[in-house]
Amino acid sequence: MDLTAPIAPPETEVVSTYRVSCDGSEGALGHPRVWMPIPHDIGWVDCSYCDKRFIHADYVEKHEAFMAELAKRDPKA
C-alpha cells in the first residue's frame, strides 16, 4: 500500500471492524462489492474501485497526523 498518495481520498468512513466491504454506495452506479482487510500496522485501507478510505476507529488520530504531514509536503493533498 502506498502511504505517500499525493491526494486525499474522496470519502472516508470510520469503522469498528478490521474487515470492511465497499460497493460504491451508488446503487446501479456503484461497483462490485469487494471485501478488504484493514492492516493493523497502518489502520486504514482504500477501496481499489472508488478510493473510499475506511479508517479503523483506533487509528483516527494516526490518520489525521498522516494527512497533516502529507499536506505539509504537498499543499494539493
Foldseek 3Di string as FASTA:
>chain_A
DDLLDLADFPAEDEDAAQKDWDQQPPVVPTHDIDIDGQDPVQQWDADPPRRYIYGYPVCPVVVVVSVVVSCVVHVND
